[in-house]
Amino acid sequence: MNRRHLMLAAGLALAALTAPAFAQNAEKPKLTLGVGGKQLLYYLPLTVAEKKGYFKEQGLDVEINDFGGGAKSLQALVGGSVDVVTGAYEHTIRMQAKGQDIRAVIELGRFPAITIAVRKDLADKVKSAADFKGLKIGVTAPGSSTALTAQYAMVKAGLKATDAAIIGVGAGASAVAAIKQKQVDVISHLDPVTSKLEADGDIVSVIDTRTEAGTKALFGGSNPAAVLYLKNDFAEKNPVTTQKLVNALMKSLKWLETAKPEDVAALVPEEYLLGDRDLYMRAVKNSQEAYSRTGISTADGMKSMYDSLKLLDPELTNSTVDLSKTFIDGFAKKAASGS
């Protein structure tokens, strides 16, 4: 072997050692992802990654299981029926407090994007969360972020978290029907459900965390929302696979920064539109501020979430959770840098 061949071989070896994750083979190229209410705009970055083929670009075959509510997808992760979950960041804190090492690896939403609204026929007497006592509150599923946000608003207003009935109404048309058929009095939900009910004149909003101002009004600061979370040992055993998942979702966030509402409406499945394309596009516009710009939750945001959980949940009031263990930021940083 001559000098030129030796240099070429050395260069190839070095390239193999320093190759970015997308050039390496995933340890687990076929995996299952759990989500609770995939059609909600809360999880739009996931649908973008799926429909635009970003997972496939990374060499991943991702089967998505929709459980209808975040608490159910968490149960699936703990039980081992899914490998990773797109769900609310708060679940990582709860599980860390229980001694289960579950961590987020990329932030998808920087604001909760949850709106709490009262049925219009009750708006004259239900003005704020302080008036929710004895009412029925519709949420995606009990234990999910929509339920916890409503309960937090009640506790902050001086009520108990148990002062209102929490009723699971699902994530799409069933949630709309729950208000229209007066099955619930209040709804704590997400777009496009919220925008549909607003446009139809069925609800009056009392709390809106789709914007930074609305989020600060309720929580006092930013509040991480949807993330991709997993068991820490999965990330340790499958670092390339984890990086590829994060790469795909980071690409979704970048696409959403410049995408027009009509681009989103053209991308998602027809059933996501709830029969009204124009309304869906308005919902997208209402929610665009809520998506993460960096993929990384801020320390202040994580503390804000932890403080709200301490106020809400007696089991967490005296807990001590190391928030640095709830989020592994290395994958998102690498994805953002393109390395």
C-alpha atoms as a PDB file:
ATOM      1  CA  MET A   1       0.000   0.000   0.000  1.00  0.00           C
ATOM      2  CA  ASN A   2       1.535   3.326  -1.044  1.00  0.00           C
ATOM      3  CA  ARG A   3       1.511   6.588   0.891  1.00  0.00           C
ATOM      4  CA  ARG A   4      -1.557   7.890  -0.945  1.00  0.00           C
ATOM      5  CA  HIS A   5      -3.562   4.784  -0.062  1.00  0.00           C
ATOM      6  CA  LEU A   6      -2.441   4.961   3.569  1.00  0.00           C
ATOM      7  CA  MET A   7      -3.571   8.586   3.837  1.00  0.00           C
ATOM      8  CA  LEU A   8      -6.904   7.743   2.242  1.00  0.00           C
ATOM      9  CA  ALA A   9      -7.472   4.854   4.641  1.00  0.00           C
ATOM     10  CA  ALA A  10      -6.600   7.025   7.631  1.00  0.00           C
ATOM     11  CA  GLY A  11      -8.973   9.718   6.425  1.00  0.00           C
ATOM     12  CA  LEU A  12     -11.821   7.249   6.051  1.00  0.00           C
ATOM     13  CA  ALA A  13     -11.203   5.872   9.536  1.00  0.00           C
ATOM     14  CA  LEU A  14     -11.255   9.368  11.028  1.00  0.00           C
ATOM     15  CA  ALA A  15     -14.458  10.205   9.170  1.00  0.00           C
ATOM     16  CA  ALA A  16     -16.101   7.094  10.565  1.00  0.00           C
ATOM     17  CA  LEU A  17     -15.162   8.084  14.089  1.00  0.00           C
ATOM     18  CA  THR A  18     -16.424  11.638  13.740  1.00  0.00           C
ATOM     19  CA  ALA A  19     -19.436  11.014  11.496  1.00  0.00           C
ATOM     20  CA  PRO A  20     -22.613  12.788  12.537  1.00  0.00           C
ATOM     21  CA  ALA A  21     -25.489  10.719  13.899  1.00  0.00           C
ATOM     22  CA  PHE A  22     -27.457  10.840  10.660  1.00  0.00           C
ATOM     23  CA  ALA A  23     -24.564   9.094   8.864  1.00  0.00           C
ATOM     24  CA  GLN A  24     -24.456   6.274  11.405  1.00  0.00           C
ATOM     25  CA  ASN A  25     -26.771   3.312  11.648  1.00  0.00           C
ATOM     26  CA  ALA A  26     -29.445   3.513  14.321  1.00  0.00           C
ATOM     27  CA  GLU A  27     -29.197   0.862  17.026  1.00  0.00           C
ATOM     28  CA  LYS A  28     -32.995   0.523  16.879  1.00  0.00           C
ATOM     29  CA  PRO A  29     -34.171   1.659  13.427  1.00  0.00           C
ATOM     30  CA  LYS A  30     -37.720   0.411  14.006  1.00  0.00           C
ATOM     31  CA  LEU A  31     -39.395   1.776  17.107  1.00  0.00           C
ATOM     32  CA  THR A  32     -42.764   2.710  18.565  1.00  0.00           C
ATOM     33  CA  LEU A  33     -43.717   6.227  19.671  1.00  0.00           C
ATOM     34  CA  GLY A  34     -46.657   7.004  21.938  1.00  0.00           C
ATOM     35  CA  VAL A  35     -48.694  10.217  21.836  1.00  0.00           C
ATOM     36  CA  GLY A  36     -51.900  11.415  23.457  1.00  0.00           C
ATOM     37  CA  GLY A  37     -54.082  13.226  20.924  1.00  0.00           C
ATOM     38  CA  LYS A  38     -51.906  13.403  17.825  1.00  0.00           C
ATOM     39  CA  GLN A  39     -54.288  15.621  15.835  1.00  0.00           C
ATOM     40  CA  LEU A  40     -53.955  18.430  18.372  1.00  0.00           C
ATOM     41  CA  LEU A  41     -51.700  21.325  17.381  1.00  0.00           C
ATOM     42  CA  TYR A  42     -49.824  20.688  20.636  1.00  0.00           C
ATOM     43  CA  TYR A  43     -48.224  17.771  18.779  1.00  0.00           C
ATOM     44  CA  LEU A  44     -47.942  19.354  15.331  1.00  0.00           C
ATOM     45  CA  PRO A  45     -44.128  18.972  15.149  1.00  0.00           C
ATOM     46  CA  LEU A  46     -44.637  15.196  15.354  1.00  0.00           C
ATOM     47  CA  THR A  47     -47.115  15.175  12.472  1.00  0.00           C
ATOM     48  CA  VAL A  48     -44.769  17.379  10.427  1.00  0.00           C
ATOM     49  CA  ALA A  49     -41.882  14.952  10.982  1.00  0.00           C
ATOM     50  CA  GLU A  50     -44.101  12.046   9.980  1.00  0.00           C
ATOM     51  CA  LYS A  51     -45.768  13.588   6.918  1.00  0.00           C
ATOM     52  CA  LYS A  52     -42.668  15.290   5.517  1.00  0.00           C
ATOM     53  CA  GLY A  53     -40.640  12.110   5.877  1.00  0.00           C
ATOM     54  CA  TYR A  54     -38.097  13.465   8.354  1.00  0.00           C
ATOM     55  CA  PHE A  55     -38.008  10.228  10.350  1.00  0.00           C
ATOM     56  CA  LYS A  56     -37.417   8.231   7.164  1.00  0.00           C
ATOM     57  CA  GLU A  57     -34.653  10.648   6.137  1.00  0.00           C
ATOM     58  CA  GLN A  58     -32.918   9.645   9.357  1.00  0.00           C
ATOM     59  CA  GLY A  59     -33.306   5.949   8.532  1.00  0.00           C
ATOM     60  CA  LEU A  60     -36.031   5.391  11.135  1.00  0.00           C
ATOM     61  CA  ASP A  61     -39.261   3.432  10.854  1.00  0.00           C
ATOM     62  CA  VAL A  62     -41.434   5.037  13.543  1.00  0.00           C
ATOM     63  CA  GLU A  63     -44.785   3.477  14.383  1.00  0.00           C
ATOM     64  CA  ILE A  64     -46.992   6.065  16.093  1.00  0.00           C
ATOM     65  CA  ASN A  65     -49.576   4.889  18.618  1.00  0.00           C
ATOM     66  CA  ASP A  66     -52.170   7.499  19.597  1.00  0.00           C
ATOM     67  CA  PHE A  67     -53.557   6.872  23.074  1.00  0.00           C
ATOM     68  CA  GLY A  68     -55.926   9.861  23.156  1.00  0.00           C
ATOM     69  CA  GLY A  69     -54.416  11.381  26.315  1.00  0.00           C
ATOM     70  CA  GLY A  70     -50.948  12.106  27.684  1.00  0.00           C
ATOM     71  CA  ALA A  71     -51.376  10.082  30.877  1.00  0.00           C
ATOM     72  CA  LYS A  72     -52.103   6.972  28.818  1.00  0.00           C
ATOM     73  CA  SER A  73     -49.030   7.370  26.627  1.00  0.00           C
ATOM     74  CA  LEU A  74     -46.909   7.740  29.781  1.00  0.00           C
ATOM     75  CA  GLN A  75     -48.377   4.487  31.093  1.00  0.00           C
ATOM     76  CA  ALA A  76     -47.453   2.817  27.808  1.00  0.00           C
ATOM     77  CA  LEU A  77     -43.830   3.973  28.171  1.00  0.00           C
ATOM     78  CA  VAL A  78     -43.599   2.774  31.762  1.00  0.00           C
ATOM     79  CA  GLY A  79     -45.209  -0.520  30.773  1.00  0.00           C
ATOM     80  CA  GLY A  80     -42.828  -1.001  27.868  1.00  0.00           C
ATOM     81  CA  SER A  81     -45.319  -1.022  24.987  1.00  0.00           C
ATOM     82  CA  VAL A  82     -43.726   2.081  23.408  1.00  0.00           C
ATOM     83  CA  ASP A  83     -40.088   3.159  23.208  1.00  0.00           C
ATOM     84  CA  VAL A  84     -40.520   6.941  23.381  1.00  0.00           C
ATOM     85  CA  VAL A  85     -43.324   9.450  23.903  1.00  0.00           C
ATOM     86  CA  THR A  86     -44.228  12.902  22.684  1.00  0.00           C
ATOM     87  CA  GLY A  87     -45.989  14.274  25.734  1.00  0.00           C
ATOM     88  CA  ALA A  88     -46.026  16.982  28.365  1.00  0.00           C
ATOM     89  CA  TYR A  89     -42.717  17.897  30.051  1.00  0.00           C
ATOM     90  CA  GLU A  90     -44.358  17.763  33.482  1.00  0.00           C
ATOM     91  CA  HIS A  91     -44.443  13.964  33.314  1.00  0.00           C
ATOM     92  CA  THR A  92     -40.639  13.847  33.538  1.00  0.00           C
ATOM     93  CA  ILE A  93     -40.774  15.720  36.861  1.00  0.00           C
ATOM     94  CA  ARG A  94     -43.485  13.468  38.241  1.00  0.00           C
ATOM     95  CA  MET A  95     -41.594  10.332  37.285  1.00  0.00           C
ATOM     96  CA  GLN A  96     -38.276  11.605  38.645  1.00  0.00           C
ATOM     97  CA  ALA A  97     -40.037  12.281  41.953  1.00  0.00           C
ATOM     98  CA  LYS A  98     -41.137   8.624  41.923  1.00  0.00           C
ATOM     99  CA  GLY A  99     -37.595   7.421  41.278  1.00  0.00           C
ATOM    100  CA  GLN A 100     -38.147   6.588  37.612  1.00  0.00           C
ATOM    101  CA  ASP A 101     -35.462   8.021  35.345  1.00  0.00           C
ATOM    102  CA  ILE A 102     -37.533   9.470  32.516  1.00  0.00           C
ATOM    103  CA  ARG A 103     -36.096  12.467  30.678  1.00  0.00           C
ATOM    104  CA  ALA A 104     -36.967  14.827  27.847  1.00  0.00           C
ATOM    105  CA  VAL A 105     -34.555  15.134  24.926  1.00  0.00           C
ATOM    106  CA  ILE A 106     -36.150  17.937  22.878  1.00  0.00           C
ATOM    107  CA  GLU A 107     -38.727  20.627  23.621  1.00  0.00           C
ATOM    108  CA  LEU A 108     -41.478  20.951  21.014  1.00  0.00           C
ATOM    109  CA  GLY A 109     -43.640  23.560  22.753  1.00  0.00           C
ATOM    110  CA  ARG A 110     -42.432  26.417  24.933  1.00  0.00           C
ATOM    111  CA  PHE A 111     -45.934  27.475  26.037  1.00  0.00           C
ATOM    112  CA  PRO A 112     -48.721  25.039  27.029  1.00  0.00           C
ATOM    113  CA  ALA A 113     -51.102  26.331  24.294  1.00  0.00           C
ATOM    114  CA  ILE A 114     -54.016  25.261  26.504  1.00  0.00           C
ATOM    115  CA  THR A 115     -57.147  27.388  26.658  1.00  0.00           C
ATOM    116  CA  ILE A 116     -59.616  27.081  29.527  1.00  0.00           C
ATOM    117  CA  ALA A 117     -63.061  28.256  28.499  1.00  0.00           C
ATOM    118  CA  VAL A 118     -66.590  28.198  29.832  1.00  0.00           C
ATOM    119  CA  ARG A 119     -69.749  27.374  27.888  1.00  0.00           C
ATOM    120  CA  LYS A 120     -71.222  30.599  26.574  1.00  0.00           C
ATOM    121  CA  ASP A 121     -74.553  30.103  28.345  1.00  0.00           C
ATOM    122  CA  LEU A 122     -72.675  30.008  31.664  1.00  0.00           C
ATOM    123  CA  ALA A 123     -70.342  32.934  30.964  1.00  0.00           C
ATOM    124  CA  ASP A 124     -72.409  35.431  32.947  1.00  0.00           C
ATOM    125  CA  LYS A 125     -71.809  33.587  36.212  1.00  0.00           C
ATOM    126  CA  VAL A 126     -68.496  31.805  35.537  1.00  0.00           C
ATOM    127  CA  LYS A 127     -65.923  34.555  35.117  1.00  0.00           C
ATOM    128  CA  SER A 128     -62.716  32.888  36.305  1.00  0.00           C
ATOM    129  CA  ALA A 129     -61.250  29.677  37.724  1.00  0.00           C
ATOM    130  CA  ALA A 130     -62.524  30.795  41.147  1.00  0.00           C
ATOM    131  CA  ASP A 131     -66.032  30.018  39.876  1.00  0.00           C
ATOM    132  CA  PHE A 132     -65.332  26.429  38.771  1.00  0.00           C
ATOM    133  CA  LYS A 133     -66.451  24.763  42.015  1.00  0.00           C
ATOM    134  CA  GLY A 134     -69.047  22.062  41.372  1.00  0.00           C
ATOM    135  CA  LEU A 135     -68.697  22.257  37.592  1.00  0.00           C
ATOM    136  CA  LYS A 136     -67.726  19.582  35.057  1.00  0.00           C
ATOM    137  CA  ILE A 137     -64.448  20.301  33.273  1.00  0.00           C
ATOM    138  CA  GLY A 138     -63.762  18.522  29.979  1.00  0.00           C
ATOM    139  CA  VAL A 139     -60.114  17.552  29.308  1.00  0.00           C
ATOM    140  CA  THR A 140     -58.337  15.258  26.850  1.00  0.00           C
ATOM    141  CA  ALA A 141     -57.910  12.654  29.599  1.00  0.00           C
ATOM    142  CA  PRO A 142     -57.667  12.766  33.418  1.00  0.00           C
ATOM    143  CA  GLY A 143     -54.041  13.174  34.479  1.00  0.00           C
ATOM    144  CA  SER A 144     -53.055  14.828  31.202  1.00  0.00           C
ATOM    145  CA  SER A 145     -51.674  18.351  30.851  1.00  0.00           C
ATOM    146  CA  THR A 146     -55.106  19.764  30.014  1.00  0.00           C
ATOM    147  CA  ALA A 147     -56.452  18.410  33.307  1.00  0.00           C
ATOM    148  CA  LEU A 148     -53.465  19.547  35.348  1.00  0.00           C
ATOM    149  CA  THR A 149     -53.595  23.068  33.917  1.00  0.00           C
ATOM    150  CA  ALA A 150     -57.269  23.391  34.854  1.00  0.00           C
ATOM    151  CA  GLN A 151     -56.589  22.081  38.356  1.00  0.00           C
ATOM    152  CA  TYR A 152     -53.625  24.405  38.762  1.00  0.00           C
ATOM    153  CA  ALA A 153     -55.794  27.380  37.779  1.00  0.00           C
ATOM    154  CA  MET A 154     -58.340  26.341  40.397  1.00  0.00           C
ATOM    155  CA  VAL A 155     -55.774  25.951  43.170  1.00  0.00           C
ATOM    156  CA  LYS A 156     -54.197  29.299  42.292  1.00  0.00           C
ATOM    157  CA  ALA A 157     -57.667  30.853  42.506  1.00  0.00           C
ATOM    158  CA  GLY A 158     -58.162  29.493  46.024  1.00  0.00           C
ATOM    159  CA  LEU A 159     -60.087  26.289  45.298  1.00  0.00           C
ATOM    160  CA  LYS A 160     -59.067  22.675  45.747  1.00  0.00           C
ATOM    161  CA  ALA A 161     -58.020  20.574  42.766  1.00  0.00           C
ATOM    162  CA  THR A 162     -60.943  18.267  43.595  1.00  0.00           C
ATOM    163  CA  ASP A 163     -63.591  21.016  43.664  1.00  0.00           C
ATOM    164  CA  ALA A 164     -64.616  20.298  40.063  1.00  0.00           C
ATOM    165  CA  ALA A 165     -65.195  17.028  38.216  1.00  0.00           C
ATOM    166  CA  ILE A 166     -62.509  16.256  35.625  1.00  0.00           C
ATOM    167  CA  ILE A 167     -64.004  14.430  32.634  1.00  0.00           C
ATOM    168  CA  GLY A 168     -62.082  12.966  29.689  1.00  0.00           C
ATOM    169  CA  VAL A 169     -63.632  14.072  26.386  1.00  0.00           C
ATOM    170  CA  GLY A 170     -60.926  13.008  23.944  1.00  0.00           C
ATOM    171  CA  ALA A 171     -58.923  15.081  21.523  1.00  0.00           C
ATOM    172  CA  GLY A 172     -61.030  15.817  18.430  1.00  0.00           C
ATOM    173  CA  ALA A 173     -64.677  15.861  17.419  1.00  0.00           C
ATOM    174  CA  SER A 174     -65.719  14.218  20.689  1.00  0.00           C
ATOM    175  CA  ALA A 175     -64.345  17.207  22.619  1.00  0.00           C
ATOM    176  CA  VAL A 176     -66.295  19.628  20.437  1.00  0.00           C
ATOM    177  CA  ALA A 177     -69.450  17.565  20.956  1.00  0.00           C
ATOM    178  CA  ALA A 178     -68.982  17.533  24.744  1.00  0.00           C
ATOM    179  CA  ILE A 179     -69.457  21.308  24.851  1.00  0.00           C
ATOM    180  CA  LYS A 180     -72.139  21.521  22.182  1.00  0.00           C
ATOM    181  CA  GLN A 181     -74.191  18.785  23.891  1.00  0.00           C
ATOM    182  CA  LYS A 182     -73.620  20.353  27.341  1.00  0.00           C
ATOM    183  CA  GLN A 183     -71.919  17.264  28.717  1.00  0.00           C
ATOM    184  CA  VAL A 184     -69.371  19.570  30.381  1.00  0.00           C
ATOM    185  CA  ASP A 185     -69.511  23.151  31.657  1.00  0.00           C
ATOM    186  CA  VAL A 186     -65.885  24.127  31.132  1.00  0.00           C
ATOM    187  CA  ILE A 187     -63.301  22.835  28.693  1.00  0.00           C
ATOM    188  CA  SER A 188     -59.523  22.839  29.123  1.00  0.00           C
ATOM    189  CA  HIS A 189     -58.215  21.983  25.704  1.00  0.00           C
ATOM    190  CA  LEU A 190     -56.016  22.704  22.716  1.00  0.00           C
ATOM    191  CA  ASP A 191     -56.271  23.823  19.123  1.00  0.00           C
ATOM    192  CA  PRO A 192     -57.926  23.129  16.783  1.00  0.00           C
ATOM    193  CA  VAL A 193     -60.699  22.167  19.250  1.00  0.00           C
ATOM    194  CA  THR A 194     -60.496  25.522  21.030  1.00  0.00           C
ATOM    195  CA  SER A 195     -60.588  27.602  17.841  1.00  0.00           C
ATOM    196  CA  LYS A 196     -63.501  25.537  16.498  1.00  0.00           C
ATOM    197  CA  LEU A 197     -65.589  26.190  19.614  1.00  0.00           C
ATOM    198  CA  GLU A 198     -64.584  29.867  19.667  1.00  0.00           C
ATOM    199  CA  ALA A 199     -65.532  30.334  16.019  1.00  0.00           C
ATOM    200  CA  ASP A 200     -68.891  28.628  16.562  1.00  0.00           C
ATOM    201  CA  GLY A 201     -69.626  30.915  19.521  1.00  0.00           C
ATOM    202  CA  ASP A 202     -69.912  28.013  21.976  1.00  0.00           C
ATOM    203  CA  ILE A 203     -67.343  29.136  24.562  1.00  0.00           C
ATOM    204  CA  VAL A 204     -65.844  32.176  26.254  1.00  0.00           C
ATOM    205  CA  SER A 205     -62.164  31.871  27.150  1.00  0.00           C
ATOM    206  CA  VAL A 206     -61.046  32.730  30.671  1.00  0.00           C
ATOM    207  CA  ILE A 207     -57.408  31.526  30.454  1.00  0.00           C
ATOM    208  CA  ASP A 208     -55.277  31.284  27.303  1.00  0.00           C
ATOM    209  CA  THR A 209     -51.709  29.930  27.345  1.00  0.00           C
ATOM    210  CA  ARG A 210     -51.194  29.946  23.578  1.00  0.00           C
ATOM    211  CA  THR A 211     -49.145  33.130  23.989  1.00  0.00           C
ATOM    212  CA  GLU A 212     -46.243  34.206  26.167  1.00  0.00           C
ATOM    213  CA  ALA A 213     -48.423  36.829  27.888  1.00  0.00           C
ATOM    214  CA  GLY A 214     -51.163  34.328  28.692  1.00  0.00           C
ATOM    215  CA  THR A 215     -48.661  31.784  29.967  1.00  0.00           C
ATOM    216  CA  LYS A 216     -47.009  34.342  32.252  1.00  0.00           C
ATOM    217  CA  ALA A 217     -50.401  35.449  33.547  1.00  0.00           C
ATOM    218  CA  LEU A 218     -51.147  31.931  34.780  1.00  0.00           C
ATOM    219  CA  PHE A 219     -47.731  30.516  35.640  1.00  0.00           C
ATOM    220  CA  GLY A 220     -45.625  33.631  36.199  1.00  0.00           C
ATOM    221  CA  GLY A 221     -43.166  32.656  33.462  1.00  0.00           C
ATOM    222  CA  SER A 222     -42.553  30.341  30.521  1.00  0.00           C
ATOM    223  CA  ASN A 223     -43.756  26.780  30.944  1.00  0.00           C
ATOM    224  CA  PRO A 224     -42.397  23.894  28.842  1.00  0.00           C
ATOM    225  CA  ALA A 225     -45.147  21.993  27.063  1.00  0.00           C
ATOM    226  CA  ALA A 226     -44.763  19.109  24.617  1.00  0.00           C
ATOM    227  CA  VAL A 227     -41.431  17.312  24.556  1.00  0.00           C
ATOM    228  CA  LEU A 228     -40.036  13.998  23.367  1.00  0.00           C
ATOM    229  CA  TYR A 229     -39.330  11.957  26.485  1.00  0.00           C
ATOM    230  CA  LEU A 230     -37.968   8.486  27.130  1.00  0.00           C
ATOM    231  CA  LYS A 231     -36.379   6.272  29.726  1.00  0.00           C
ATOM    232  CA  ASN A 232     -32.803   7.396  30.308  1.00  0.00           C
ATOM    233  CA  ASP A 233     -31.473   3.906  29.750  1.00  0.00           C
ATOM    234  CA  PHE A 234     -33.000   3.952  26.258  1.00  0.00           C
ATOM    235  CA  ALA A 235     -30.972   7.070  25.434  1.00  0.00           C
ATOM    236  CA  GLU A 236     -27.835   5.487  26.904  1.00  0.00           C
ATOM    237  CA  LYS A 237     -28.259   2.224  24.994  1.00  0.00           C
ATOM    238  CA  ASN A 238     -29.463   3.873  21.771  1.00  0.00           C
ATOM    239  CA  PRO A 239     -27.687   7.236  21.446  1.00  0.00           C
ATOM    240  CA  VAL A 240     -27.675   7.251  17.644  1.00  0.00           C
ATOM    241  CA  THR A 241     -31.372   6.349  17.475  1.00  0.00           C
ATOM    242  CA  THR A 242     -32.192   9.068  20.005  1.00  0.00           C
ATOM    243  CA  GLN A 243     -30.149  11.609  18.061  1.00  0.00           C
ATOM    244  CA  LYS A 244     -31.951  10.715  14.854  1.00  0.00           C
ATOM    245  CA  LEU A 245     -35.352  11.189  16.507  1.00  0.00           C
ATOM    246  CA  VAL A 246     -34.266  14.585  17.798  1.00  0.00           C
ATOM    247  CA  ASN A 247     -32.798  15.544  14.409  1.00  0.00           C
ATOM    248  CA  ALA A 248     -36.145  14.830  12.726  1.00  0.00           C
ATOM    249  CA  LEU A 249     -38.150  16.810  15.274  1.00  0.00           C
ATOM    250  CA  MET A 250     -35.696  19.719  15.198  1.00  0.00           C
ATOM    251  CA  LYS A 251     -36.167  19.869  11.430  1.00  0.00           C
ATOM    252  CA  SER A 252     -39.927  20.041  12.059  1.00  0.00           C
ATOM    253  CA  LEU A 253     -39.491  22.991  14.415  1.00  0.00           C
ATOM    254  CA  LYS A 254     -37.363  24.815  11.858  1.00  0.00           C
ATOM    255  CA  TRP A 255     -39.977  24.175   9.158  1.00  0.00           C
ATOM    256  CA  LEU A 256     -42.736  25.498  11.410  1.00  0.00           C
ATOM    257  CA  GLU A 257     -40.851  28.746  12.031  1.00  0.00           C
ATOM    258  CA  THR A 258     -41.461  29.837   8.441  1.00  0.00           C
ATOM    259  CA  ALA A 259     -44.420  27.683   7.376  1.00  0.00           C
ATOM    260  CA  LYS A 260     -47.669  29.428   6.491  1.00  0.00           C
ATOM    261  CA  PRO A 261     -50.955  28.183   7.989  1.00  0.00           C
ATOM    262  CA  GLU A 262     -52.036  27.023   4.533  1.00  0.00           C
ATOM    263  CA  ASP A 263     -48.843  24.938   4.261  1.00  0.00           C
ATOM    264  CA  VAL A 264     -49.737  23.181   7.506  1.00  0.00           C
ATOM    265  CA  ALA A 265     -53.363  22.651   6.482  1.00  0.00           C
ATOM    266  CA  ALA A 266     -52.210  21.067   3.224  1.00  0.00           C
ATOM    267  CA  LEU A 267     -49.841  18.731   5.067  1.00  0.00           C
ATOM    268  CA  VAL A 268     -51.989  17.254   7.836  1.00  0.00           C
ATOM    269  CA  PRO A 269     -54.635  14.526   7.375  1.00  0.00           C
ATOM    270  CA  GLU A 270     -58.085  15.758   6.351  1.00  0.00           C
ATOM    271  CA  GLU A 271     -59.680  14.695   9.636  1.00  0.00           C
ATOM    272  CA  TYR A 272     -57.429  17.112  11.543  1.00  0.00           C
ATOM    273  CA  LEU A 273     -59.296  20.023   9.949  1.00  0.00           C
ATOM    274  CA  LEU A 274     -62.552  19.232  11.784  1.00  0.00           C
ATOM    275  CA  GLY A 275     -64.443  19.939   8.573  1.00  0.00           C
ATOM    276  CA  ASP A 276     -63.279  23.563   8.314  1.00  0.00           C
ATOM    277  CA  ARG A 277     -59.957  24.296   6.597  1.00  0.00           C
ATOM    278  CA  ASP A 278     -60.136  28.068   7.156  1.00  0.00           C
ATOM    279  CA  LEU A 279     -60.777  27.604  10.851  1.00  0.00           C
ATOM    280  CA  TYR A 280     -57.875  25.148  11.113  1.00  0.00           C
ATOM    281  CA  MET A 281     -55.578  27.715   9.523  1.00  0.00           C
ATOM    282  CA  ARG A 282     -56.685  30.303  12.089  1.00  0.00           C
ATOM    283  CA  ALA A 283     -55.937  27.785  14.820  1.00  0.00           C
ATOM    284  CA  VAL A 284     -52.444  27.248  13.400  1.00  0.00           C
ATOM    285  CA  LYS A 285     -51.862  31.003  13.388  1.00  0.00           C
ATOM    286  CA  ASN A 286     -53.077  31.225  16.995  1.00  0.00           C
ATOM    287  CA  SER A 287     -50.659  28.488  18.068  1.00  0.00           C
ATOM    288  CA  GLN A 288     -47.501  29.354  16.144  1.00  0.00           C
ATOM    289  CA  GLU A 289     -46.014  31.424  18.968  1.00  0.00           C
ATOM    290  CA  ALA A 290     -46.135  28.391  21.257  1.00  0.00           C
ATOM    291  CA  TYR A 291     -43.653  26.183  19.363  1.00  0.00           C
ATOM    292  CA  SER A 292     -40.102  25.954  20.631  1.00  0.00           C
ATOM    293  CA  ARG A 293     -37.456  27.976  18.834  1.00  0.00           C
ATOM    294  CA  THR A 294     -34.422  26.160  20.232  1.00  0.00           C
ATOM    295  CA  GLY A 295     -35.621  22.680  21.173  1.00  0.00           C
ATOM    296  CA  ILE A 296     -34.293  23.251  24.684  1.00  0.00           C
ATOM    297  CA  SER A 297     -36.345  24.096  27.772  1.00  0.00           C
ATOM    298  CA  THR A 298     -34.997  26.969  29.862  1.00  0.00           C
ATOM    299  CA  ALA A 299     -34.034  26.505  33.498  1.00  0.00           C
ATOM    300  CA  ASP A 300     -36.593  29.153  34.502  1.00  0.00           C
ATOM    301  CA  GLY A 301     -39.306  27.389  32.537  1.00  0.00           C
ATOM    302  CA  MET A 302     -38.550  24.022  34.128  1.00  0.00           C
ATOM    303  CA  LYS A 303     -38.583  25.601  37.591  1.00  0.00           C
ATOM    304  CA  SER A 304     -41.904  27.310  36.813  1.00  0.00           C
ATOM    305  CA  MET A 305     -43.410  23.947  35.922  1.00  0.00           C
ATOM    306  CA  TYR A 306     -42.005  22.290  39.048  1.00  0.00           C
ATOM    307  CA  ASP A 307     -43.313  25.105  41.263  1.00  0.00           C
ATOM    308  CA  SER A 308     -46.800  24.738  39.776  1.00  0.00           C
ATOM    309  CA  LEU A 309     -46.762  20.979  40.348  1.00  0.00           C
ATOM    310  CA  LYS A 310     -45.671  21.485  43.956  1.00  0.00           C
ATOM    311  CA  LEU A 311     -48.632  23.777  44.491  1.00  0.00           C
ATOM    312  CA  LEU A 312     -51.045  21.375  42.839  1.00  0.00           C
ATOM    313  CA  ASP A 313     -49.955  17.932  43.954  1.00  0.00           C
ATOM    314  CA  PRO A 314     -49.516  17.121  47.683  1.00  0.00           C
ATOM    315  CA  GLU A 315     -47.231  14.232  46.710  1.00  0.00           C
ATOM    316  CA  LEU A 316     -44.807  16.720  45.187  1.00  0.00           C
ATOM    317  CA  THR A 317     -45.085  19.538  47.743  1.00  0.00           C
ATOM    318  CA  ASN A 318     -42.084  18.379  49.761  1.00  0.00           C
ATOM    319  CA  SER A 319     -40.274  16.596  46.940  1.00  0.00           C
ATOM    320  CA  THR A 320     -36.750  17.372  45.803  1.00  0.00           C
ATOM    321  CA  VAL A 321     -36.238  16.785  42.097  1.00  0.00           C
ATOM    322  CA  ASP A 322     -32.971  17.578  40.349  1.00  0.00           C
ATOM    323  CA  LEU A 323     -34.385  19.329  37.274  1.00  0.00           C
ATOM    324  CA  SER A 324     -31.147  18.805  35.370  1.00  0.00           C
ATOM    325  CA  LYS A 325     -32.118  15.122  35.281  1.00  0.00           C
ATOM    326  CA  THR A 326     -35.452  15.845  33.617  1.00  0.00           C
ATOM    327  CA  PHE A 327     -33.926  17.114  30.361  1.00  0.00           C
ATOM    328  CA  ILE A 328     -30.909  15.923  28.372  1.00  0.00           C
ATOM    329  CA  ASP A 329     -30.042  18.933  26.227  1.00  0.00           C
ATOM    330  CA  GLY A 330     -27.065  17.454  24.359  1.00  0.00           C
ATOM    331  CA  PHE A 331     -29.146  15.852  21.609  1.00  0.00           C
ATOM    332  CA  ALA A 332     -31.017  19.068  20.797  1.00  0.00           C
ATOM    333  CA  LYS A 333     -27.816  21.107  20.830  1.00  0.00           C
ATOM    334  CA  LYS A 334     -26.209  18.677  18.393  1.00  0.00           C
ATOM    335  CA  ALA A 335     -29.289  18.691  16.155  1.00  0.00           C
ATOM    336  CA  ALA A 336     -29.386  22.497  16.139  1.00  0.00           C
ATOM    337  CA  SER A 337     -25.728  22.721  15.160  1.00  0.00           C
ATOM    338  CA  GLY A 338     -26.174  20.201  12.375  1.00  0.00           C
ATOM    339  CA  SER A 339     -23.222  18.166  13.652  1.00  0.00           C
END
